[in-house]
């Protein structure tokens, strides 16, 4: 499911200011899930 909104962080602000292309990948937050959860959600 693609979400209509996004969050902006200092890192994305920097990338945008430098003209760097990047993509956003959304996944559900899991308390204490760590990188295992994010990697699984992103297929890595």
C-alpha atoms as a PDB file:
ATOM      1  CA  UNK A   1       0.000   0.000   0.000  1.00  0.00           C
ATOM      2  CA  UNK A   2       1.395   3.409  -0.939  1.00  0.00           C
ATOM      3  CA  UNK A   3       0.860   6.216   1.539  1.00  0.00           C
ATOM      4  CA  UNK A   4      -0.004   9.687   0.320  1.00  0.00           C
ATOM      5  CA  UNK A   5       2.092  11.543   2.883  1.00  0.00           C
ATOM      6  CA  UNK A   6       5.747  11.454   3.800  1.00  0.00           C
ATOM      7  CA  UNK A   7       7.898  12.638   6.629  1.00  0.00           C
ATOM      8  CA  UNK A   8      10.820  14.951   6.132  1.00  0.00           C
ATOM      9  CA  UNK A   9      13.980  14.448   8.154  1.00  0.00           C
ATOM     10  CA  UNK A  10      17.241  16.386   8.307  1.00  0.00           C
ATOM     11  CA  UNK A  11      18.688  13.747   5.976  1.00  0.00           C
ATOM     12  CA  UNK A  12      15.972  14.157   3.326  1.00  0.00           C
ATOM     13  CA  UNK A  13      16.211  17.936   3.635  1.00  0.00           C
ATOM     14  CA  UNK A  14      19.952  17.692   2.957  1.00  0.00           C
ATOM     15  CA  UNK A  15      19.471  15.374  -0.026  1.00  0.00           C
ATOM     16  CA  UNK A  16      16.834  17.675  -1.492  1.00  0.00           C
ATOM     17  CA  UNK A  17      19.039  20.762  -0.984  1.00  0.00           C
ATOM     18  CA  UNK A  18      21.942  18.988  -2.744  1.00  0.00           C
ATOM     19  CA  UNK A  19      19.747  17.870  -5.648  1.00  0.00           C
ATOM     20  CA  UNK A  20      20.245  14.191  -4.866  1.00  0.00           C
ATOM     21  CA  UNK A  21      17.562  11.834  -6.181  1.00  0.00           C
ATOM     22  CA  UNK A  22      16.175   9.449  -3.580  1.00  0.00           C
ATOM     23  CA  UNK A  23      13.128   7.264  -3.014  1.00  0.00           C
ATOM     24  CA  UNK A  24      10.945   6.712   0.000  1.00  0.00           C
ATOM     25  CA  UNK A  25       9.966   3.268   1.233  1.00  0.00           C
ATOM     26  CA  UNK A  26       7.208   3.016   3.816  1.00  0.00           C
ATOM     27  CA  UNK A  27       6.675   0.201   6.280  1.00  0.00           C
ATOM     28  CA  UNK A  28       4.920  -0.221   9.606  1.00  0.00           C
ATOM     29  CA  UNK A  29       6.957   0.608  12.691  1.00  0.00           C
ATOM     30  CA  UNK A  30       7.535  -2.288  15.098  1.00  0.00           C
ATOM     31  CA  UNK A  31       8.642  -1.419  18.634  1.00  0.00           C
ATOM     32  CA  UNK A  32      12.178  -2.764  19.139  1.00  0.00           C
ATOM     33  CA  UNK A  33      12.064  -4.368  15.686  1.00  0.00           C
ATOM     34  CA  UNK A  34      15.427  -3.028  14.646  1.00  0.00           C
ATOM     35  CA  UNK A  35      16.956  -3.501  11.246  1.00  0.00           C
ATOM     36  CA  UNK A  36      15.542  -7.016  10.908  1.00  0.00           C
ATOM     37  CA  UNK A  37      12.041  -5.563  10.548  1.00  0.00           C
ATOM     38  CA  UNK A  38      13.026  -2.802   8.140  1.00  0.00           C
ATOM     39  CA  UNK A  39      15.109  -5.170   6.015  1.00  0.00           C
ATOM     40  CA  UNK A  40      12.285  -7.710   5.818  1.00  0.00           C
ATOM     41  CA  UNK A  41       9.775  -4.994   4.896  1.00  0.00           C
ATOM     42  CA  UNK A  42      12.081  -3.717   2.147  1.00  0.00           C
ATOM     43  CA  UNK A  43      12.867  -7.196   0.810  1.00  0.00           C
ATOM     44  CA  UNK A  44      16.522  -7.165   1.811  1.00  0.00           C
END
